[in-house]
Amino acid sequence: MQNWQKLGLIIKPGKQKWIKTNIQNPFPEHLKGDIYKIHFAGRDESNYSRGGYAIIDITKPDKILEWSQKPTLEVGTLGCFDDCGAMPSCIVEHNGQKYMYYTGWTQQVKTPFSFFIGLAISKNNEKYKRYSLSPILGRNFYDPYLTASPYIIKENKLWRMWYVSSIGWEEKNPQNSVAPRHYYFIKHASSKDGINWETSKNICIDFIKKNDEYAIARPIVLKENNLYKMWYCYRGGSNTYRAGYAESKDGLKWTRKDNIVNLDVGKTGWDSEMICYPCVFKHKNNYYMLYNGNRYGQTGCGLAKLSNP
């Protein structure tokens, strides 16, 4: 059983105009010692997303040491796949540069949104420049609807990505009489250079039909002792997001073990409605989890620590 101890809400929105709401999809970048740069997507008054960060000491996580004064990643060019928002997802170091993979989204007519995976590269550790105005993993034969939330690790010369892919939309949405319901789960792609990706029909984390699941999101993968461990969030029926967990020997075929994640919503407060977008990382033999609570990160970012590693 994974017994997660909540350490509280550590990063709240509102510091900058472009972080008026949301500290969404947080993930860590280790700087030195106990110091971490926590990347996230903030939203402005128009609900557009930009990349930002807050620097914390993991031993005193509720004290912000530094805020990003400017977005690390701006909204995309009008008409492009990310002209309504760029949401950083993970960073991979390669040849002295930092590759920031992100989800770019735009508004649609018949569906509320579409989003695809983009790439921005930094040489100076601060400013990220888009590799292309188009996504590096957009619509393709195996992902005809959307791609999002990439998490990438390098294994020797192979780049491996776990990401969100959709199988379609349902016009009759039981929870919303206006907007259609999306269906998406987690898949895998591979690359030799981190830019050109090969996809397949293989599904890593599929829906549990008896639970009426329709959204499995934001994979985070750690490889330890030849075992792949994935954390994600899932929802179905009238339920809101909860944190899930799965294991795999090859990174392709996974066994879900959601019931061992002992982390639930609070009785009151900022995470009383949902637990979403968990991001697990290891620091000095301790496991920590960044996560969002109510309204997909509008209330901010919290931290939990595994009490029985």
C-alpha atoms as a PDB file:
ATOM      1  CA  MET A   1       0.000   0.000   0.000  1.00  0.00           C
ATOM      2  CA  GLN A   2       1.242   3.495  -0.878  1.00  0.00           C
ATOM      3  CA  ASN A   3       0.367   5.628   2.138  1.00  0.00           C
ATOM      4  CA  TRP A   4       0.749   9.236   1.051  1.00  0.00           C
ATOM      5  CA  GLN A   5       1.011  11.896   3.744  1.00  0.00           C
ATOM      6  CA  LYS A   6      -0.316  15.255   2.639  1.00  0.00           C
ATOM      7  CA  LEU A   7       2.071  18.143   3.297  1.00  0.00           C
ATOM      8  CA  GLY A   8      -0.444  20.775   2.231  1.00  0.00           C
ATOM      9  CA  LEU A   9      -1.029  23.373  -0.463  1.00  0.00           C
ATOM     10  CA  ILE A  10       2.397  24.757  -1.363  1.00  0.00           C
ATOM     11  CA  ILE A  11       1.921  26.956  -4.462  1.00  0.00           C
ATOM     12  CA  LYS A  12      -1.090  29.215  -4.950  1.00  0.00           C
ATOM     13  CA  PRO A  13      -2.048  31.141  -8.116  1.00  0.00           C
ATOM     14  CA  GLY A  14      -2.355  34.915  -8.359  1.00  0.00           C
ATOM     15  CA  LYS A  15       1.289  35.992  -8.138  1.00  0.00           C
ATOM     16  CA  GLN A  16       1.455  37.277 -11.734  1.00  0.00           C
ATOM     17  CA  LYS A  17      -1.255  38.479 -14.137  1.00  0.00           C
ATOM     18  CA  TRP A  18      -0.565  35.473 -16.338  1.00  0.00           C
ATOM     19  CA  ILE A  19      -0.915  33.181 -13.288  1.00  0.00           C
ATOM     20  CA  LYS A  20      -4.249  34.589 -12.194  1.00  0.00           C
ATOM     21  CA  THR A  21      -5.654  31.088 -11.799  1.00  0.00           C
ATOM     22  CA  ASN A  22      -4.226  27.565 -11.861  1.00  0.00           C
ATOM     23  CA  ILE A  23      -0.945  25.972 -10.906  1.00  0.00           C
ATOM     24  CA  GLN A  24      -1.695  23.101 -13.272  1.00  0.00           C
ATOM     25  CA  ASN A  25       0.265  19.951 -14.187  1.00  0.00           C
ATOM     26  CA  PRO A  26       3.192  20.632 -11.821  1.00  0.00           C
ATOM     27  CA  PHE A  27       6.490  18.807 -12.285  1.00  0.00           C
ATOM     28  CA  PRO A  28       9.924  19.225 -10.656  1.00  0.00           C
ATOM     29  CA  GLU A  29      13.321  20.211 -12.019  1.00  0.00           C
ATOM     30  CA  HIS A  30      16.117  19.563  -9.529  1.00  0.00           C
ATOM     31  CA  LEU A  31      18.496  22.520  -9.190  1.00  0.00           C
ATOM     32  CA  LYS A  32      20.798  21.644  -6.283  1.00  0.00           C
ATOM     33  CA  GLY A  33      20.637  20.095  -2.828  1.00  0.00           C
ATOM     34  CA  ASP A  34      17.045  20.379  -1.587  1.00  0.00           C
ATOM     35  CA  ILE A  35      16.138  23.118  -4.092  1.00  0.00           C
ATOM     36  CA  TYR A  36      13.625  22.438  -6.846  1.00  0.00           C
ATOM     37  CA  LYS A  37      12.103  24.478  -9.627  1.00  0.00           C
ATOM     38  CA  ILE A  38       8.437  23.496  -9.864  1.00  0.00           C
ATOM     39  CA  HIS A  39       7.170  24.037 -13.402  1.00  0.00           C
ATOM     40  CA  PHE A  40       3.459  24.428 -14.089  1.00  0.00           C
ATOM     41  CA  ALA A  41       0.876  25.999 -16.374  1.00  0.00           C
ATOM     42  CA  GLY A  42      -0.764  29.201 -15.141  1.00  0.00           C
ATOM     43  CA  ARG A  43      -3.847  30.813 -16.674  1.00  0.00           C
ATOM     44  CA  ASP A  44      -4.699  34.455 -17.260  1.00  0.00           C
ATOM     45  CA  GLU A  45      -8.096  36.185 -17.090  1.00  0.00           C
ATOM     46  CA  SER A  46      -8.931  34.888 -20.576  1.00  0.00           C
ATOM     47  CA  ASN A  47      -8.161  31.325 -19.448  1.00  0.00           C
ATOM     48  CA  TYR A  48      -5.087  31.096 -21.694  1.00  0.00           C
ATOM     49  CA  SER A  49      -2.220  28.927 -20.403  1.00  0.00           C
ATOM     50  CA  ARG A  50       1.467  29.794 -20.129  1.00  0.00           C
ATOM     51  CA  GLY A  51       4.443  28.036 -18.597  1.00  0.00           C
ATOM     52  CA  GLY A  52       5.829  29.291 -15.300  1.00  0.00           C
ATOM     53  CA  TYR A  53       7.667  28.110 -12.210  1.00  0.00           C
ATOM     54  CA  ALA A  54       8.193  28.591  -8.488  1.00  0.00           C
ATOM     55  CA  ILE A  55      11.423  27.628  -6.710  1.00  0.00           C
ATOM     56  CA  ILE A  56      11.106  25.857  -3.363  1.00  0.00           C
ATOM     57  CA  ASP A  57      13.171  24.070  -0.740  1.00  0.00           C
ATOM     58  CA  ILE A  58      11.670  20.578  -0.526  1.00  0.00           C
ATOM     59  CA  THR A  59      12.314  20.557   3.236  1.00  0.00           C
ATOM     60  CA  LYS A  60      10.297  23.798   3.604  1.00  0.00           C
ATOM     61  CA  PRO A  61       7.902  23.467   0.656  1.00  0.00           C
ATOM     62  CA  ASP A  62       5.345  26.068   1.743  1.00  0.00           C
ATOM     63  CA  LYS A  63       7.866  28.931   1.366  1.00  0.00           C
ATOM     64  CA  ILE A  64       8.375  30.216  -2.192  1.00  0.00           C
ATOM     65  CA  LEU A  65      12.009  31.212  -2.769  1.00  0.00           C
ATOM     66  CA  GLU A  66      11.477  32.678  -6.239  1.00  0.00           C
ATOM     67  CA  TRP A  67       8.748  33.133  -8.853  1.00  0.00           C
ATOM     68  CA  SER A  68       9.267  33.260 -12.606  1.00  0.00           C
ATOM     69  CA  GLN A  69       8.931  36.900 -13.619  1.00  0.00           C
ATOM     70  CA  LYS A  70       8.087  36.031 -17.217  1.00  0.00           C
ATOM     71  CA  PRO A  71       6.493  32.957 -18.771  1.00  0.00           C
ATOM     72  CA  THR A  72       8.913  30.177 -19.659  1.00  0.00           C
ATOM     73  CA  LEU A  73       6.594  29.330 -22.532  1.00  0.00           C
ATOM     74  CA  GLU A  74       4.168  31.788 -24.125  1.00  0.00           C
ATOM     75  CA  VAL A  75       0.850  31.261 -25.886  1.00  0.00           C
ATOM     76  CA  GLY A  76       1.405  30.188 -29.492  1.00  0.00           C
ATOM     77  CA  THR A  77       0.970  32.110 -32.733  1.00  0.00           C
ATOM     78  CA  LEU A  78      -2.603  32.866 -33.811  1.00  0.00           C
ATOM     79  CA  GLY A  79      -3.954  29.982 -35.833  1.00  0.00           C
ATOM     80  CA  CYS A  80      -1.443  27.433 -34.553  1.00  0.00           C
ATOM     81  CA  PHE A  81      -2.233  24.383 -32.447  1.00  0.00           C
ATOM     82  CA  ASP A  82      -1.240  26.213 -29.228  1.00  0.00           C
ATOM     83  CA  ASP A  83      -2.771  29.673 -29.717  1.00  0.00           C
ATOM     84  CA  CYS A  84      -4.925  29.310 -26.586  1.00  0.00           C
ATOM     85  CA  GLY A  85      -2.334  27.800 -24.326  1.00  0.00           C
ATOM     86  CA  ALA A  86       0.990  26.051 -23.792  1.00  0.00           C
ATOM     87  CA  MET A  87       1.160  23.698 -20.818  1.00  0.00           C
ATOM     88  CA  PRO A  88       4.639  22.341 -19.944  1.00  0.00           C
ATOM     89  CA  SER A  89       4.693  18.621 -19.229  1.00  0.00           C
ATOM     90  CA  CYS A  90       8.288  17.451 -18.729  1.00  0.00           C
ATOM     91  CA  ILE A  91      11.933  18.386 -19.390  1.00  0.00           C
ATOM     92  CA  VAL A  92      14.632  16.119 -20.838  1.00  0.00           C
ATOM     93  CA  GLU A  93      18.306  17.150 -20.934  1.00  0.00           C
ATOM     94  CA  HIS A  94      20.040  16.391 -24.223  1.00  0.00           C
ATOM     95  CA  ASN A  95      23.395  17.557 -25.604  1.00  0.00           C
ATOM     96  CA  GLY A  96      23.656  20.430 -23.148  1.00  0.00           C
ATOM     97  CA  GLN A  97      20.159  21.655 -23.939  1.00  0.00           C
ATOM     98  CA  LYS A  98      16.812  21.248 -22.243  1.00  0.00           C
ATOM     99  CA  TYR A  99      13.900  19.868 -24.206  1.00  0.00           C
ATOM    100  CA  MET A 100      10.589  21.018 -22.754  1.00  0.00           C
ATOM    101  CA  TYR A 101       7.693  18.954 -24.030  1.00  0.00           C
ATOM    102  CA  TYR A 102       4.307  20.551 -23.660  1.00  0.00           C
ATOM    103  CA  THR A 103       0.630  20.319 -24.501  1.00  0.00           C
ATOM    104  CA  GLY A 104      -0.597  23.052 -26.832  1.00  0.00           C
ATOM    105  CA  TRP A 105      -4.316  23.652 -27.082  1.00  0.00           C
ATOM    106  CA  THR A 106      -6.770  25.723 -29.081  1.00  0.00           C
ATOM    107  CA  GLN A 107     -10.526  26.243 -29.105  1.00  0.00           C
ATOM    108  CA  GLN A 108     -12.820  24.405 -31.481  1.00  0.00           C
ATOM    109  CA  VAL A 109     -16.387  24.768 -32.741  1.00  0.00           C
ATOM    110  CA  LYS A 110     -18.012  21.353 -32.429  1.00  0.00           C
ATOM    111  CA  THR A 111     -15.780  20.259 -29.556  1.00  0.00           C
ATOM    112  CA  PRO A 112     -14.596  22.588 -26.761  1.00  0.00           C
ATOM    113  CA  PHE A 113     -10.887  22.163 -27.532  1.00  0.00           C
ATOM    114  CA  SER A 114      -8.168  20.231 -29.278  1.00  0.00           C
ATOM    115  CA  PHE A 115      -4.629  19.713 -28.061  1.00  0.00           C
ATOM    116  CA  PHE A 116      -1.384  18.226 -29.338  1.00  0.00           C
ATOM    117  CA  ILE A 117       2.204  17.757 -28.196  1.00  0.00           C
ATOM    118  CA  GLY A 118       4.816  20.432 -28.873  1.00  0.00           C
ATOM    119  CA  LEU A 119       8.507  20.952 -28.111  1.00  0.00           C
ATOM    120  CA  ALA A 120      10.477  23.984 -26.948  1.00  0.00           C
ATOM    121  CA  ILE A 121      14.258  23.997 -26.403  1.00  0.00           C
ATOM    122  CA  SER A 122      16.407  26.048 -24.029  1.00  0.00           C
ATOM    123  CA  LYS A 123      20.128  26.733 -24.208  1.00  0.00           C
ATOM    124  CA  ASN A 124      20.322  29.180 -21.294  1.00  0.00           C
ATOM    125  CA  ASN A 125      18.107  27.398 -18.753  1.00  0.00           C
ATOM    126  CA  GLU A 126      15.446  30.128 -18.828  1.00  0.00           C
ATOM    127  CA  LYS A 127      14.130  30.999 -22.269  1.00  0.00           C
ATOM    128  CA  TYR A 128      12.513  28.216 -24.233  1.00  0.00           C
ATOM    129  CA  LYS A 129      12.167  28.551 -27.994  1.00  0.00           C
ATOM    130  CA  ARG A 130       9.671  26.503 -29.958  1.00  0.00           C
ATOM    131  CA  TYR A 131      11.241  23.854 -32.149  1.00  0.00           C
ATOM    132  CA  SER A 132       8.378  24.253 -34.624  1.00  0.00           C
ATOM    133  CA  LEU A 133       5.093  26.095 -35.033  1.00  0.00           C
ATOM    134  CA  SER A 134       3.494  22.696 -35.574  1.00  0.00           C
ATOM    135  CA  PRO A 135       3.253  19.855 -33.037  1.00  0.00           C
ATOM    136  CA  ILE A 136       5.909  17.148 -32.946  1.00  0.00           C
ATOM    137  CA  LEU A 137       3.157  14.620 -32.253  1.00  0.00           C
ATOM    138  CA  GLY A 138      -0.108  15.723 -33.786  1.00  0.00           C
ATOM    139  CA  ARG A 139      -2.857  13.812 -35.524  1.00  0.00           C
ATOM    140  CA  ASN A 140      -1.680  10.572 -37.059  1.00  0.00           C
ATOM    141  CA  PHE A 141      -3.006   7.179 -38.119  1.00  0.00           C
ATOM    142  CA  TYR A 142      -3.126   5.876 -34.544  1.00  0.00           C
ATOM    143  CA  ASP A 143      -4.061   9.182 -32.854  1.00  0.00           C
ATOM    144  CA  PRO A 144      -6.708  10.825 -35.053  1.00  0.00           C
ATOM    145  CA  TYR A 145      -8.248  13.075 -32.384  1.00  0.00           C
ATOM    146  CA  LEU A 146      -5.674  14.492 -29.955  1.00  0.00           C
ATOM    147  CA  THR A 147      -2.364  13.918 -28.180  1.00  0.00           C
ATOM    148  CA  ALA A 148      -1.310  15.443 -24.859  1.00  0.00           C
ATOM    149  CA  SER A 149       0.564  15.246 -21.542  1.00  0.00           C
ATOM    150  CA  PRO A 150       3.834  13.647 -22.680  1.00  0.00           C
ATOM    151  CA  TYR A 151       6.287  12.131 -20.234  1.00  0.00           C
ATOM    152  CA  ILE A 152       9.626  11.091 -21.707  1.00  0.00           C
ATOM    153  CA  ILE A 153      12.679   9.159 -20.586  1.00  0.00           C
ATOM    154  CA  LYS A 154      15.815   8.211 -22.511  1.00  0.00           C
ATOM    155  CA  GLU A 155      17.025   4.623 -22.455  1.00  0.00           C
ATOM    156  CA  ASN A 156      20.417   4.444 -24.163  1.00  0.00           C
ATOM    157  CA  LYS A 157      19.663   5.676 -27.702  1.00  0.00           C
ATOM    158  CA  LEU A 158      15.909   5.215 -27.456  1.00  0.00           C
ATOM    159  CA  TRP A 159      13.529   7.945 -26.391  1.00  0.00           C
ATOM    160  CA  ARG A 160      10.287   6.681 -24.867  1.00  0.00           C
ATOM    161  CA  MET A 161       7.112   8.700 -24.461  1.00  0.00           C
ATOM    162  CA  TRP A 162       3.947   7.917 -22.559  1.00  0.00           C
ATOM    163  CA  TYR A 163       1.148  10.255 -23.526  1.00  0.00           C
ATOM    164  CA  VAL A 164      -2.593  10.829 -23.646  1.00  0.00           C
ATOM    165  CA  SER A 165      -4.497   9.873 -26.796  1.00  0.00           C
ATOM    166  CA  SER A 166      -8.205  10.105 -27.563  1.00  0.00           C
ATOM    167  CA  ILE A 167     -10.509   7.557 -29.185  1.00  0.00           C
ATOM    168  CA  GLY A 168     -13.208  10.128 -29.837  1.00  0.00           C
ATOM    169  CA  TRP A 169     -16.004  12.301 -28.497  1.00  0.00           C
ATOM    170  CA  GLU A 170     -19.537  11.490 -27.405  1.00  0.00           C
ATOM    171  CA  GLU A 171     -22.171  14.063 -28.308  1.00  0.00           C
ATOM    172  CA  LYS A 172     -24.432  13.100 -25.412  1.00  0.00           C
ATOM    173  CA  ASN A 173     -22.506  13.993 -22.302  1.00  0.00           C
ATOM    174  CA  PRO A 174     -24.273  12.906 -19.091  1.00  0.00           C
ATOM    175  CA  GLN A 175     -22.429  15.573 -17.098  1.00  0.00           C
ATOM    176  CA  ASN A 176     -22.788  18.462 -19.534  1.00  0.00           C
ATOM    177  CA  SER A 177     -25.779  19.006 -21.808  1.00  0.00           C
ATOM    178  CA  VAL A 178     -23.815  21.386 -24.040  1.00  0.00           C
ATOM    179  CA  ALA A 179     -20.267  20.103 -24.506  1.00  0.00           C
ATOM    180  CA  PRO A 180     -19.530  16.607 -25.819  1.00  0.00           C
ATOM    181  CA  ARG A 181     -17.625  14.182 -23.629  1.00  0.00           C
ATOM    182  CA  HIS A 182     -14.048  13.266 -24.518  1.00  0.00           C
ATOM    183  CA  TYR A 183     -12.596   9.767 -24.187  1.00  0.00           C
ATOM    184  CA  TYR A 184      -8.843   9.452 -23.743  1.00  0.00           C
ATOM    185  CA  PHE A 185      -6.334   7.011 -22.293  1.00  0.00           C
ATOM    186  CA  ILE A 186      -2.548   6.455 -22.167  1.00  0.00           C
ATOM    187  CA  LYS A 187      -0.359   5.191 -24.996  1.00  0.00           C
ATOM    188  CA  HIS A 188       3.344   4.835 -25.847  1.00  0.00           C
ATOM    189  CA  ALA A 189       5.573   6.220 -28.616  1.00  0.00           C
ATOM    190  CA  SER A 190       9.290   5.891 -29.372  1.00  0.00           C
ATOM    191  CA  SER A 191      11.926   8.031 -31.081  1.00  0.00           C
ATOM    192  CA  LYS A 192      15.611   8.044 -31.992  1.00  0.00           C
ATOM    193  CA  ASP A 193      16.042  11.802 -31.629  1.00  0.00           C
ATOM    194  CA  GLY A 194      13.256  13.089 -29.380  1.00  0.00           C
ATOM    195  CA  ILE A 195      11.627  14.889 -32.310  1.00  0.00           C
ATOM    196  CA  ASN A 196      10.327  12.298 -34.771  1.00  0.00           C
ATOM    197  CA  TRP A 197       8.034   9.831 -33.050  1.00  0.00           C
ATOM    198  CA  GLU A 198       6.645   6.426 -33.987  1.00  0.00           C
ATOM    199  CA  THR A 199       3.214   5.537 -32.633  1.00  0.00           C
ATOM    200  CA  SER A 200       1.238   2.296 -32.635  1.00  0.00           C
ATOM    201  CA  LYS A 201      -2.136   0.873 -31.701  1.00  0.00           C
ATOM    202  CA  ASN A 202      -0.817  -0.402 -28.363  1.00  0.00           C
ATOM    203  CA  ILE A 203      -2.714   0.943 -25.333  1.00  0.00           C
ATOM    204  CA  CYS A 204      -0.817   1.165 -22.053  1.00  0.00           C
ATOM    205  CA  ILE A 205      -3.583   2.142 -19.616  1.00  0.00           C
ATOM    206  CA  ASP A 206      -7.070   1.348 -20.899  1.00  0.00           C
ATOM    207  CA  PHE A 207     -10.520   2.115 -19.524  1.00  0.00           C
ATOM    208  CA  ILE A 208     -12.209  -0.102 -16.973  1.00  0.00           C
ATOM    209  CA  LYS A 209     -15.571  -0.331 -18.680  1.00  0.00           C
ATOM    210  CA  LYS A 210     -17.536  -1.431 -15.617  1.00  0.00           C
ATOM    211  CA  ASN A 211     -16.503   1.826 -13.951  1.00  0.00           C
ATOM    212  CA  ASP A 212     -17.662   3.856 -16.953  1.00  0.00           C
ATOM    213  CA  GLU A 213     -14.209   5.421 -17.250  1.00  0.00           C
ATOM    214  CA  TYR A 214     -13.698   8.004 -19.950  1.00  0.00           C
ATOM    215  CA  ALA A 215     -10.547   9.944 -18.994  1.00  0.00           C
ATOM    216  CA  ILE A 216      -7.111   8.652 -17.964  1.00  0.00           C
ATOM    217  CA  ALA A 217      -4.589  11.472 -17.902  1.00  0.00           C
ATOM    218  CA  ARG A 218      -1.099  12.784 -17.176  1.00  0.00           C
ATOM    219  CA  PRO A 219       1.256   9.759 -17.003  1.00  0.00           C
ATOM    220  CA  ILE A 220       4.485   9.960 -14.968  1.00  0.00           C
ATOM    221  CA  VAL A 221       6.914   7.029 -15.295  1.00  0.00           C
ATOM    222  CA  LEU A 222       9.828   5.983 -13.082  1.00  0.00           C
ATOM    223  CA  LYS A 223      12.042   2.983 -13.875  1.00  0.00           C
ATOM    224  CA  GLU A 224      13.521   1.215 -10.859  1.00  0.00           C
ATOM    225  CA  ASN A 225      15.165  -2.227 -10.723  1.00  0.00           C
ATOM    226  CA  ASN A 226      13.975  -3.041 -14.255  1.00  0.00           C
ATOM    227  CA  LEU A 227      10.396  -2.269 -13.266  1.00  0.00           C
ATOM    228  CA  TYR A 228       8.424   0.582 -14.823  1.00  0.00           C
ATOM    229  CA  LYS A 229       6.124   2.415 -12.409  1.00  0.00           C
ATOM    230  CA  MET A 230       3.447   4.811 -13.641  1.00  0.00           C
ATOM    231  CA  TRP A 231       1.266   7.289 -11.793  1.00  0.00           C
ATOM    232  CA  TYR A 232      -1.688   8.980 -13.526  1.00  0.00           C
ATOM    233  CA  CYS A 233      -5.227  10.123 -12.781  1.00  0.00           C
ATOM    234  CA  TYR A 234      -8.511   8.602 -13.885  1.00  0.00           C
ATOM    235  CA  ARG A 235     -12.229   9.308 -13.726  1.00  0.00           C
ATOM    236  CA  GLY A 236     -15.468   7.624 -14.719  1.00  0.00           C
ATOM    237  CA  GLY A 237     -19.208   7.994 -14.369  1.00  0.00           C
ATOM    238  CA  SER A 238     -19.983  10.897 -12.041  1.00  0.00           C
ATOM    239  CA  ASN A 239     -16.665  10.519 -10.179  1.00  0.00           C
ATOM    240  CA  THR A 240     -13.971  13.185 -10.280  1.00  0.00           C
ATOM    241  CA  TYR A 241     -10.266  12.476 -10.792  1.00  0.00           C
ATOM    242  CA  ARG A 242      -8.317  10.201  -8.437  1.00  0.00           C
ATOM    243  CA  ALA A 243      -4.668   9.136  -8.498  1.00  0.00           C
ATOM    244  CA  GLY A 244      -3.884   5.783 -10.116  1.00  0.00           C
ATOM    245  CA  TYR A 245      -0.852   3.517 -10.351  1.00  0.00           C
ATOM    246  CA  ALA A 246       0.375   0.734 -12.658  1.00  0.00           C
ATOM    247  CA  GLU A 247       3.463  -1.449 -13.176  1.00  0.00           C
ATOM    248  CA  SER A 248       5.140  -2.934 -16.233  1.00  0.00           C
ATOM    249  CA  LYS A 249       8.194  -5.019 -17.116  1.00  0.00           C
ATOM    250  CA  ASP A 250       8.613  -3.534 -20.597  1.00  0.00           C
ATOM    251  CA  GLY A 251       6.809  -0.174 -20.509  1.00  0.00           C
ATOM    252  CA  LEU A 252       4.201  -1.425 -22.974  1.00  0.00           C
ATOM    253  CA  LYS A 253       1.988  -3.895 -21.131  1.00  0.00           C
ATOM    254  CA  TRP A 254       0.820  -2.542 -17.792  1.00  0.00           C
ATOM    255  CA  THR A 255      -1.024  -3.904 -14.764  1.00  0.00           C
ATOM    256  CA  ARG A 256      -3.218  -1.384 -12.991  1.00  0.00           C
ATOM    257  CA  LYS A 257      -2.992  -1.298  -9.199  1.00  0.00           C
ATOM    258  CA  ASP A 258      -5.054   1.783  -8.443  1.00  0.00           C
ATOM    259  CA  ASN A 259      -6.298   0.400  -5.148  1.00  0.00           C
ATOM    260  CA  ILE A 260      -2.848   0.630  -3.509  1.00  0.00           C
ATOM    261  CA  VAL A 261      -2.710   4.438  -3.843  1.00  0.00           C
ATOM    262  CA  ASN A 262      -3.854   5.662  -0.449  1.00  0.00           C
ATOM    263  CA  LEU A 263      -4.493   9.316  -1.246  1.00  0.00           C
ATOM    264  CA  ASP A 264      -8.031  10.648  -1.288  1.00  0.00           C
ATOM    265  CA  VAL A 265      -9.803  13.985  -1.353  1.00  0.00           C
ATOM    266  CA  GLY A 266      -9.881  16.095   1.785  1.00  0.00           C
ATOM    267  CA  LYS A 267     -13.002  16.553   3.879  1.00  0.00           C
ATOM    268  CA  THR A 268     -12.858  20.286   3.178  1.00  0.00           C
ATOM    269  CA  GLY A 269     -10.591  22.760   1.443  1.00  0.00           C
ATOM    270  CA  TRP A 270      -8.562  23.029  -1.716  1.00  0.00           C
ATOM    271  CA  ASP A 271      -8.488  19.286  -2.607  1.00  0.00           C
ATOM    272  CA  SER A 272     -11.934  18.267  -1.333  1.00  0.00           C
ATOM    273  CA  GLU A 273     -13.303  17.636  -4.844  1.00  0.00           C
ATOM    274  CA  MET A 274     -10.563  15.794  -6.723  1.00  0.00           C
ATOM    275  CA  ILE A 275      -6.983  14.526  -6.793  1.00  0.00           C
ATOM    276  CA  CYS A 276      -5.554  15.070 -10.261  1.00  0.00           C
ATOM    277  CA  TYR A 277      -2.345  15.289 -12.324  1.00  0.00           C
ATOM    278  CA  PRO A 278      -0.080  13.516  -9.795  1.00  0.00           C
ATOM    279  CA  CYS A 279       3.657  13.794 -10.426  1.00  0.00           C
ATOM    280  CA  VAL A 280       5.865  11.467  -8.375  1.00  0.00           C
ATOM    281  CA  PHE A 281       9.615  12.001  -7.997  1.00  0.00           C
ATOM    282  CA  LYS A 282      12.376  10.718  -5.742  1.00  0.00           C
ATOM    283  CA  HIS A 283      14.621  12.852  -3.537  1.00  0.00           C
ATOM    284  CA  LYS A 284      17.168  11.406  -1.092  1.00  0.00           C
ATOM    285  CA  ASN A 285      15.421   8.025  -0.983  1.00  0.00           C
ATOM    286  CA  ASN A 286      12.061   9.669  -0.306  1.00  0.00           C
ATOM    287  CA  TYR A 287       9.151   9.733  -2.730  1.00  0.00           C
ATOM    288  CA  TYR A 288       7.176  12.947  -3.175  1.00  0.00           C
ATOM    289  CA  MET A 289       4.050  13.703  -5.169  1.00  0.00           C
ATOM    290  CA  LEU A 290       3.052  17.052  -6.605  1.00  0.00           C
ATOM    291  CA  TYR A 291      -0.638  17.135  -7.429  1.00  0.00           C
ATOM    292  CA  ASN A 292      -3.614  19.351  -8.174  1.00  0.00           C
ATOM    293  CA  GLY A 293      -6.906  19.513  -6.346  1.00  0.00           C
ATOM    294  CA  ASN A 294     -10.225  21.206  -7.046  1.00  0.00           C
ATOM    295  CA  ARG A 295     -11.127  22.406 -10.532  1.00  0.00           C
ATOM    296  CA  TYR A 296      -8.048  20.922 -12.206  1.00  0.00           C
ATOM    297  CA  GLY A 297      -5.513  23.110 -10.454  1.00  0.00           C
ATOM    298  CA  GLN A 298      -7.406  26.363  -9.958  1.00  0.00           C
ATOM    299  CA  THR A 299      -6.737  26.164  -6.227  1.00  0.00           C
ATOM    300  CA  GLY A 300      -3.032  25.514  -6.676  1.00  0.00           C
ATOM    301  CA  CYS A 301      -0.470  22.751  -6.238  1.00  0.00           C
ATOM    302  CA  GLY A 302      -0.058  20.477  -3.240  1.00  0.00           C
ATOM    303  CA  LEU A 303       2.672  18.123  -2.061  1.00  0.00           C
ATOM    304  CA  ALA A 304       2.500  14.668  -0.493  1.00  0.00           C
ATOM    305  CA  LYS A 305       5.227  12.361   0.816  1.00  0.00           C
ATOM    306  CA  LEU A 306       5.196   8.570   0.769  1.00  0.00           C
ATOM    307  CA  SER A 307       5.319   7.423   4.376  1.00  0.00           C
ATOM    308  CA  ASN A 308       6.223   3.802   3.621  1.00  0.00           C
ATOM    309  CA  PRO A 309       8.725   3.737   0.714  1.00  0.00           C
END
